[in-house]
Amino acid sequence: MAEAPVSSSTPKARSKPRDLLEIVIAYGLILAVIWTPRPWQGVLWGVAAAGVLALTWASFEGFAAMGLQRKNLWRSLWIAGVALLVAGAAMGVAAHLHTLKLPSGPLAFLGTYCAYAIWAGAQQFLLQGFFLLRLQRLIPNPWLAALAAALLFALAHLPSAFLVPATFLWGLASCLLFLRYRNLYPLAAAHAILGVTVAMTIPGPMDHNMRVGLGYLRYHHHRHAHPPNTSLQP
C-alpha cells in the first residue's frame, strides 16, 4: 500500500509567547551545561534533561508531530544511505592522509561509539522534535524556521571553528528533510554515522575531539586520543 503524501501544514496554533519562552528556557539550559565547569556541570545536565522532558510533556503534540513514527520511514532511508557513502569517501581520504583512527575491533567500536550514537539521536530530537516545532509556529515560512533552528544548533557548538559550520549545514539540511518526511529515525542514523566519521577521520587538534563550549577551551588538558564527547563535559 502506498504511503500517504507528506503534509506540509505547520504545527497546530498555540500561544506564541509560550513557544518563545519554552525555546529560551530549553536553549538557556543547554548553554548552561556547555559552559559550566565540573562538578556543577553534572548537576545542570540532569536539570536540563528534566527541564526539556517536562516542557515536552507539558506541550505534547503526539509522537507523529515529533517525527517518532513509521510513516515515510522507508521513503527517507536514503538519507542514512547517503551518510554511509559520505562516510566511506571520508574514510578513504583519511586513510590516504594517514589520519584514520580505527578501533581495534567490532567490540571496541561499539564500546567507543555506541553512547555517541544515542547522543546523536537525542540531538536530532532536540533540533527537530523540540526547537523546530516551536519555531514553525513563531516563523510561518518553513525555510526561515529551518534556518533559525540550524543557527541555534550551530551556535551551541561554539567556539569550534570546525563544528559550527559543519553543524549549521547539517542542521539546515536535516530540518528541511524533516519538514519533507516528518520522520526522525533516518536523520538520527545519519547524524550518528557522520559524527562517528568525523571522530575517526579528523585529527583531534583540529576539532578538539568534537568538544564544545568550555570543554573546547580546556582541550589542552586532554591531549591524548578520545572518543567523541557525548556528555558535554569540559
Foldseek 3Di string as FASTA:
>chain_A
DDFDFADLDADDADDLVVLVVLVCVLLVLLLCLLADAPPVNVVSLVVSVVSNVVSCVVVPPDCLQLQADPGCPVVPLVLLVVLVVVLVVLQVVLVVVVQFDDAPDDVRVCVQQVLVLVLLLVVLSCLRVRQLSSLCNVDVDQLVSQQVSLQSQLVSQPPQPPRSVVSSVLSSVVSVVCSRGSHSVSSSSSSSSNLQSCLRRPDCVNRVLSAGHPSSVPSVVPPDRGGHDRSSHD
